[in-house]
Amino acid sequence: MEITYKINEIISTDDFIDILNRSTLGERRPINDKERIGGMLKNADILVVAIDGEKIVGVARSITDFSYCCYLSDLAVDVTYQHKGIGKMLIAKTKECLKDGCKVILLSAPKATEYYHKIGFKQHPSAWYLE
């Protein structure tokens, strides 16, 4: 297995939905709304894709100002490829696109909270959102 990483690689809406589903992140994303998913891809500032051969096995999608903060909105790794360092590398490749000192911020999927702590993220007690 040789994983390659590509930054701002254009992928199709269907490919994005596919990796979301293979990672279980599809459970919490509007995968039945292709127009919204397409907008998510089109308007991302950073998209890092992990590829094994020709198969997308991971993706990190972020919105950022590149200087102060970067919201890592989606971190998805195919469940059959998890625990191989792909998520960590997707985050590292995202950070390479940012200026020094730019914070990476995310909202964790409930099952992934321990993962982020293990790889060095600090939990913040006051995150808020508005529907």
Protein backbone atom coordinates (compact mmCIF):
# COMPACT_ATOMS: atom_id res chain seq x y z
CA MET A 1 0.00 0.00 0.00
CA GLU A 2 1.50 3.29 -1.11
CA ILE A 3 -0.69 6.26 -0.26
CA THR A 4 -0.17 9.49 -2.18
CA TYR A 5 -1.48 12.86 -1.03
CA LYS A 6 -2.69 15.60 -3.32
CA ILE A 7 -3.54 19.14 -2.31
CA ASN A 8 -6.51 20.87 -3.93
CA GLU A 9 -7.09 17.94 -6.26
CA ILE A 10 -10.45 18.33 -7.96
CA ILE A 11 -12.72 15.42 -7.09
CA SER A 12 -16.30 14.78 -8.12
CA THR A 13 -19.29 15.16 -5.86
CA ASP A 14 -19.92 11.43 -6.22
CA ASP A 15 -16.34 10.59 -5.17
CA PHE A 16 -16.67 12.88 -2.14
CA ILE A 17 -19.96 11.27 -1.13
CA ASP A 18 -18.39 7.83 -1.59
CA ILE A 19 -15.46 8.51 0.76
CA LEU A 20 -17.78 10.16 3.29
CA ASN A 21 -19.86 6.98 3.31
CA ARG A 22 -16.84 4.66 3.49
CA SER A 23 -15.57 6.62 6.50
CA THR A 24 -18.97 6.76 8.28
CA LEU A 25 -18.86 10.58 8.14
CA GLY A 26 -21.69 10.29 5.62
CA GLU A 27 -23.97 9.63 8.60
CA ARG A 28 -23.53 13.30 9.60
CA ARG A 29 -23.32 15.00 6.21
CA PRO A 30 -26.06 15.94 3.70
CA ILE A 31 -25.09 13.19 1.26
CA ASN A 32 -28.53 13.16 -0.37
CA ASP A 33 -28.20 16.83 -1.33
CA LYS A 34 -25.69 16.79 -4.21
CA GLU A 35 -25.98 20.54 -4.74
CA ARG A 36 -24.95 21.23 -1.14
CA ILE A 37 -22.14 18.66 -1.29
CA GLY A 38 -20.95 20.26 -4.54
CA GLY A 39 -20.91 23.66 -2.84
CA MET A 40 -18.94 22.19 0.06
CA LEU A 41 -16.27 21.04 -2.39
CA LYS A 42 -16.29 24.15 -4.58
CA ASN A 43 -15.97 26.57 -1.68
CA ALA A 44 -13.34 24.73 0.33
CA ASP A 45 -10.05 26.58 0.71
CA ILE A 46 -8.00 23.42 1.20
CA LEU A 47 -8.83 19.92 0.05
CA VAL A 48 -6.28 17.21 0.75
CA VAL A 49 -6.95 13.81 -0.80
CA ALA A 50 -5.30 10.50 0.12
CA ILE A 51 -5.15 8.04 -2.77
CA ASP A 52 -4.21 4.35 -2.93
CA GLY A 53 -3.66 3.55 -6.60
CA GLU A 54 -6.69 5.27 -8.10
CA LYS A 55 -8.96 4.88 -5.08
CA ILE A 56 -9.64 7.84 -2.78
CA VAL A 57 -9.14 6.52 0.74
CA GLY A 58 -9.19 9.78 2.69
CA VAL A 59 -9.99 13.45 2.48
CA ALA A 60 -9.54 16.57 4.60
CA ARG A 61 -11.69 19.59 3.67
CA SER A 62 -11.01 22.97 5.29
CA ILE A 63 -12.15 26.58 5.30
CA THR A 64 -9.44 29.07 6.33
CA ASP A 65 -7.94 32.55 6.25
CA PHE A 66 -4.50 30.80 6.17
CA SER A 67 -3.13 33.07 8.92
CA TYR A 68 -5.14 32.85 12.13
CA CYS A 69 -7.55 29.93 11.94
CA CYS A 70 -8.42 26.94 9.80
CA TYR A 71 -11.69 25.08 10.30
CA LEU A 72 -11.13 21.44 9.42
CA SER A 73 -14.69 20.66 8.49
CA ASP A 74 -14.30 17.11 7.20
CA LEU A 75 -11.68 14.50 8.00
CA ALA A 76 -12.73 11.22 6.44
CA VAL A 77 -10.71 8.02 6.10
CA ASP A 78 -12.12 4.80 4.64
CA VAL A 79 -12.75 2.48 7.61
CA THR A 80 -10.64 -0.26 5.99
CA TYR A 81 -7.68 2.17 5.91
CA GLN A 82 -8.00 3.58 9.42
CA HIS A 83 -5.24 3.16 12.04
CA LYS A 84 -2.52 3.52 9.37
CA GLY A 85 -1.62 7.19 9.94
CA ILE A 86 -3.66 8.53 7.01
CA GLY A 87 -5.74 10.90 9.14
CA LYS A 88 -2.62 12.30 10.78
CA MET A 89 -1.00 12.80 7.38
CA LEU A 90 -4.12 14.53 5.98
CA ILE A 91 -3.93 16.95 8.92
CA ALA A 92 -0.16 17.44 8.43
CA LYS A 93 -0.67 18.20 4.73
CA THR A 94 -3.42 20.66 5.65
CA LYS A 95 -1.07 22.38 8.10
CA GLU A 96 1.59 22.66 5.38
CA CYS A 97 -0.80 24.99 3.53
CA LEU A 98 -1.08 27.36 6.51
CA LYS A 99 1.16 30.07 7.88
CA ASP A 100 3.04 29.40 11.11
CA GLY A 101 0.81 29.90 14.13
CA CYS A 102 -2.45 29.30 12.28
CA LYS A 103 -4.71 27.18 14.51
CA VAL A 104 -6.57 24.15 13.19
CA ILE A 105 -10.06 23.95 14.68
CA LEU A 106 -12.60 21.16 14.32
CA LEU A 107 -15.78 19.68 15.73
CA SER A 108 -15.27 16.00 16.42
CA ALA A 109 -17.62 13.22 15.49
CA PRO A 110 -18.78 11.67 18.78
CA LYS A 111 -16.83 8.45 18.20
CA ALA A 112 -13.61 10.30 17.32
CA THR A 113 -13.07 12.48 20.39
CA GLU A 114 -10.34 10.24 21.83
CA TYR A 115 -8.53 10.16 18.47
CA TYR A 116 -8.02 13.91 18.35
CA HIS A 117 -6.73 14.00 21.91
CA LYS A 118 -4.22 11.23 21.09
CA ILE A 119 -2.80 13.15 18.12
CA GLY A 120 -2.26 16.39 20.06
CA PHE A 121 -5.49 18.38 19.76
CA LYS A 122 -6.67 20.20 22.87
CA GLN A 123 -10.35 20.15 23.74
CA HIS A 124 -12.02 23.55 24.08
CA PRO A 125 -14.92 23.80 26.52
CA SER A 126 -16.92 26.50 24.75
CA ALA A 127 -17.67 25.64 21.15
CA TRP A 128 -21.01 26.92 19.87
CA TYR A 129 -23.01 26.66 16.68
CA LEU A 130 -26.19 28.14 15.22
CA GLU A 131 -28.48 26.23 12.84
